[in-house]
Amino acid sequence: MEPVFMVLGQSAAIAASIAIDKNYSVQDVPYKELEADLLKYKQVLQ
């Protein structure tokens, strides 16, 4: 279970980082932008 929590934490941090940088609310972060950053850090999405 711990690896799952680590991935969730990293994903949340990346979403928060995008939101801060682009002045979005976290709920409004575009999925395509989040997806690109997650893939950049080699996260498996499917």
PDB file of N, CA and C in Angstrom:
ATOM      1  N   MET A   1       0.809  -1.202   0.000  1.00  0.00           N
ATOM      2  CA  MET A   1       0.000   0.000   0.000  1.00  0.00           C
ATOM      3  C   MET A   1       0.853   1.266   0.000  1.00  0.00           C
ATOM      4  N   GLU A   2       2.018   1.200   0.616  1.00  0.00           N
ATOM      5  CA  GLU A   2       2.841   2.398   0.718  1.00  0.00           C
ATOM      6  C   GLU A   2       3.212   2.993  -0.640  1.00  0.00           C
ATOM      7  N   PRO A   3       3.574   2.177  -1.652  1.00  0.00           N
ATOM      8  CA  PRO A   3       3.878   2.774  -2.958  1.00  0.00           C
ATOM      9  C   PRO A   3       2.700   3.559  -3.539  1.00  0.00           C
ATOM     10  N   VAL A   4       1.487   3.086  -3.285  1.00  0.00           N
ATOM     11  CA  VAL A   4       0.300   3.797  -3.777  1.00  0.00           C
ATOM     12  C   VAL A   4       0.213   5.175  -3.134  1.00  0.00           C
ATOM     13  N   PHE A   5       0.466   5.240  -1.834  1.00  0.00           N
ATOM     14  CA  PHE A   5       0.412   6.524  -1.131  1.00  0.00           C
ATOM     15  C   PHE A   5       1.498   7.472  -1.628  1.00  0.00           C
ATOM     16  N   MET A   6       2.667   6.928  -1.965  1.00  0.00           N
ATOM     17  CA  MET A   6       3.745   7.773  -2.479  1.00  0.00           C
ATOM     18  C   MET A   6       3.367   8.375  -3.833  1.00  0.00           C
ATOM     19  N   VAL A   7       2.742   7.573  -4.697  1.00  0.00           N
ATOM     20  CA  VAL A   7       2.313   8.066  -6.011  1.00  0.00           C
ATOM     21  C   VAL A   7       1.231   9.124  -5.850  1.00  0.00           C
ATOM     22  N   LEU A   8       0.281   8.887  -4.943  1.00  0.00           N
ATOM     23  CA  LEU A   8      -0.773   9.883  -4.703  1.00  0.00           C
ATOM     24  C   LEU A   8      -0.181  11.194  -4.202  1.00  0.00           C
ATOM     25  N   GLY A   9       0.787  11.104  -3.306  1.00  0.00           N
ATOM     26  CA  GLY A   9       1.428  12.307  -2.782  1.00  0.00           C
ATOM     27  C   GLY A   9       2.174  13.072  -3.860  1.00  0.00           C
ATOM     28  N   GLN A  10       2.897  12.341  -4.709  1.00  0.00           N
ATOM     29  CA  GLN A  10       3.629  12.998  -5.789  1.00  0.00           C
ATOM     30  C   GLN A  10       2.663  13.653  -6.774  1.00  0.00           C
ATOM     31  N   SER A  11       1.582  12.973  -7.090  1.00  0.00           N
ATOM     32  CA  SER A  11       0.589  13.528  -8.017  1.00  0.00           C
ATOM     33  C   SER A  11      -0.047  14.791  -7.452  1.00  0.00           C
ATOM     34  N   ALA A  12      -0.375  14.766  -6.171  1.00  0.00           N
ATOM     35  CA  ALA A  12      -0.967  15.944  -5.527  1.00  0.00           C
ATOM     36  C   ALA A  12       0.019  17.102  -5.510  1.00  0.00           C
ATOM     37  N   ALA A  13       1.286  16.806  -5.254  1.00  0.00           N
ATOM     38  CA  ALA A  13       2.303  17.860  -5.232  1.00  0.00           C
ATOM     39  C   ALA A  13       2.485  18.484  -6.613  1.00  0.00           C
ATOM     40  N   ILE A  14       2.473  17.667  -7.642  1.00  0.00           N
ATOM     41  CA  ILE A  14       2.608  18.190  -9.004  1.00  0.00           C
ATOM     42  C   ILE A  14       1.403  19.051  -9.362  1.00  0.00           C
ATOM     43  N   ALA A  15       0.203  18.600  -9.007  1.00  0.00           N
ATOM     44  CA  ALA A  15      -1.004  19.394  -9.272  1.00  0.00           C
ATOM     45  C   ALA A  15      -0.950  20.719  -8.521  1.00  0.00           C
ATOM     46  N   ALA A  16      -0.506  20.689  -7.273  1.00  0.00           N
ATOM     47  CA  ALA A  16      -0.395  21.921  -6.487  1.00  0.00           C
ATOM     48  C   ALA A  16       0.640  22.862  -7.090  1.00  0.00           C
ATOM     49  N   SER A  17       1.735  22.305  -7.564  1.00  0.00           N
ATOM     50  CA  SER A  17       2.785  23.120  -8.178  1.00  0.00           C
ATOM     51  C   SER A  17       2.276  23.831  -9.433  1.00  0.00           C
ATOM     52  N   ILE A  18       1.548  23.109 -10.268  1.00  0.00           N
ATOM     53  CA  ILE A  18       0.968  23.718 -11.471  1.00  0.00           C
ATOM     54  C   ILE A  18      -0.007  24.820 -11.074  1.00  0.00           C
ATOM     55  N   ALA A  19      -0.848  24.532 -10.089  1.00  0.00           N
ATOM     56  CA  ALA A  19      -1.842  25.515  -9.645  1.00  0.00           C
ATOM     57  C   ALA A  19      -1.175  26.789  -9.144  1.00  0.00           C
ATOM     58  N   ILE A  20      -0.113  26.648  -8.381  1.00  0.00           N
ATOM     59  CA  ILE A  20       0.597  27.821  -7.858  1.00  0.00           C
ATOM     60  C   ILE A  20       1.257  28.599  -8.990  1.00  0.00           C
ATOM     61  N   ASP A  21       1.957  27.874  -9.870  1.00  0.00           N
ATOM     62  CA  ASP A  21       2.678  28.537 -10.963  1.00  0.00           C
ATOM     63  C   ASP A  21       1.749  29.278 -11.919  1.00  0.00           C
ATOM     64  N   LYS A  22       0.578  28.705 -12.190  1.00  0.00           N
ATOM     65  CA  LYS A  22      -0.340  29.278 -13.178  1.00  0.00           C
ATOM     66  C   LYS A  22      -1.486  30.063 -12.548  1.00  0.00           C
ATOM     67  N   ASN A  23      -1.480  30.164 -11.225  1.00  0.00           N
ATOM     68  CA  ASN A  23      -2.525  30.882 -10.484  1.00  0.00           C
ATOM     69  C   ASN A  23      -3.920  30.290 -10.743  1.00  0.00           C
ATOM     70  N   TYR A  24      -3.997  28.952 -10.760  1.00  0.00           N
ATOM     71  CA  TYR A  24      -5.259  28.228 -10.878  1.00  0.00           C
ATOM     72  C   TYR A  24      -5.667  27.766  -9.486  1.00  0.00           C
ATOM     73  N   SER A  25      -6.954  27.458  -9.318  1.00  0.00           N
ATOM     74  CA  SER A  25      -7.311  26.664  -8.142  1.00  0.00           C
ATOM     75  C   SER A  25      -6.946  25.220  -8.496  1.00  0.00           C
ATOM     76  N   VAL A  26      -6.689  24.407  -7.505  1.00  0.00           N
ATOM     77  CA  VAL A  26      -6.254  23.032  -7.773  1.00  0.00           C
ATOM     78  C   VAL A  26      -7.295  22.279  -8.606  1.00  0.00           C
ATOM     79  N   GLN A  27      -8.564  22.567  -8.359  1.00  0.00           N
ATOM     80  CA  GLN A  27      -9.624  21.886  -9.105  1.00  0.00           C
ATOM     81  C   GLN A  27      -9.640  22.269 -10.579  1.00  0.00           C
ATOM     82  N   ASP A  28      -9.052  23.398 -10.926  1.00  0.00           N
ATOM     83  CA  ASP A  28      -9.082  23.889 -12.307  1.00  0.00           C
ATOM     84  C   ASP A  28      -7.819  23.575 -13.105  1.00  0.00           C
ATOM     85  N   VAL A  29      -6.902  22.819 -12.530  1.00  0.00           N
ATOM     86  CA  VAL A  29      -5.686  22.451 -13.264  1.00  0.00           C
ATOM     87  C   VAL A  29      -6.103  21.575 -14.449  1.00  0.00           C
ATOM     88  N   PRO A  30      -5.734  21.976 -15.667  1.00  0.00           N
ATOM     89  CA  PRO A  30      -6.114  21.181 -16.842  1.00  0.00           C
ATOM     90  C   PRO A  30      -5.467  19.792 -16.801  1.00  0.00           C
ATOM     91  N   TYR A  31      -6.271  18.768 -17.076  1.00  0.00           N
ATOM     92  CA  TYR A  31      -5.759  17.401 -17.003  1.00  0.00           C
ATOM     93  C   TYR A  31      -4.587  17.195 -17.949  1.00  0.00           C
ATOM     94  N   LYS A  32      -4.656  17.743 -19.152  1.00  0.00           N
ATOM     95  CA  LYS A  32      -3.566  17.544 -20.125  1.00  0.00           C
ATOM     96  C   LYS A  32      -2.243  18.091 -19.585  1.00  0.00           C
ATOM     97  N   GLU A  33      -2.303  19.204 -18.893  1.00  0.00           N
ATOM     98  CA  GLU A  33      -1.098  19.793 -18.304  1.00  0.00           C
ATOM     99  C   GLU A  33      -0.568  18.906 -17.172  1.00  0.00           C
ATOM    100  N   LEU A  34      -1.473  18.429 -16.336  1.00  0.00           N
ATOM    101  CA  LEU A  34      -1.090  17.529 -15.247  1.00  0.00           C
ATOM    102  C   LEU A  34      -0.537  16.223 -15.809  1.00  0.00           C
ATOM    103  N   GLU A  35      -1.206  15.695 -16.821  1.00  0.00           N
ATOM    104  CA  GLU A  35      -0.761  14.446 -17.441  1.00  0.00           C
ATOM    105  C   GLU A  35       0.656  14.580 -17.994  1.00  0.00           C
ATOM    106  N   ALA A  36       0.939  15.694 -18.664  1.00  0.00           N
ATOM    107  CA  ALA A  36       2.268  15.906 -19.237  1.00  0.00           C
ATOM    108  C   ALA A  36       3.339  15.907 -18.150  1.00  0.00           C
ATOM    109  N   ASP A  37       3.068  16.577 -17.043  1.00  0.00           N
ATOM    110  CA  ASP A  37       4.049  16.612 -15.954  1.00  0.00           C
ATOM    111  C   ASP A  37       4.204  15.245 -15.294  1.00  0.00           C
ATOM    112  N   LEU A  38       3.108  14.531 -15.112  1.00  0.00           N
ATOM    113  CA  LEU A  38       3.202  13.196 -14.511  1.00  0.00           C
ATOM    114  C   LEU A  38       4.032  12.269 -15.391  1.00  0.00           C
ATOM    115  N   LEU A  39       3.811  12.327 -16.692  1.00  0.00           N
ATOM    116  CA  LEU A  39       4.582  11.488 -17.609  1.00  0.00           C
ATOM    117  C   LEU A  39       6.052  11.891 -17.628  1.00  0.00           C
ATOM    118  N   LYS A  40       6.315  13.193 -17.472  1.00  0.00           N
ATOM    119  CA  LYS A  40       7.700  13.669 -17.428  1.00  0.00           C
ATOM    120  C   LYS A  40       8.459  13.025 -16.265  1.00  0.00           C
ATOM    121  N   TYR A  41       7.743  12.766 -15.172  1.00  0.00           N
ATOM    122  CA  TYR A  41       8.355  12.130 -13.999  1.00  0.00           C
ATOM    123  C   TYR A  41       8.136  10.618 -13.994  1.00  0.00           C
ATOM    124  N   LYS A  42       7.794  10.077 -15.176  1.00  0.00           N
ATOM    125  CA  LYS A  42       7.689   8.640 -15.420  1.00  0.00           C
ATOM    126  C   LYS A  42       6.634   7.921 -14.584  1.00  0.00           C
ATOM    127  N   GLN A  43       5.535   8.619 -14.311  1.00  0.00           N
ATOM    128  CA  GLN A  43       4.428   7.940 -13.641  1.00  0.00           C
ATOM    129  C   GLN A  43       3.626   7.152 -14.661  1.00  0.00           C
ATOM    130  N   VAL A  44       3.188   5.980 -14.276  1.00  0.00           N
ATOM    131  CA  VAL A  44       2.350   5.141 -15.128  1.00  0.00           C
ATOM    132  C   VAL A  44       0.905   5.530 -14.872  1.00  0.00           C
ATOM    133  N   LEU A  45       0.193   5.929 -15.913  1.00  0.00           N
ATOM    134  CA  LEU A  45      -1.164   6.433 -15.748  1.00  0.00           C
ATOM    135  C   LEU A  45      -2.234   5.405 -16.098  1.00  0.00           C
ATOM    136  N   GLN A  46      -1.867   4.356 -16.780  1.00  0.00           N
ATOM    137  CA  GLN A  46      -2.873   3.342 -17.135  1.00  0.00           C
ATOM    138  C   GLN A  46      -2.362   1.966 -16.812  1.00  0.00           C
TER     139      GLN A  46
END
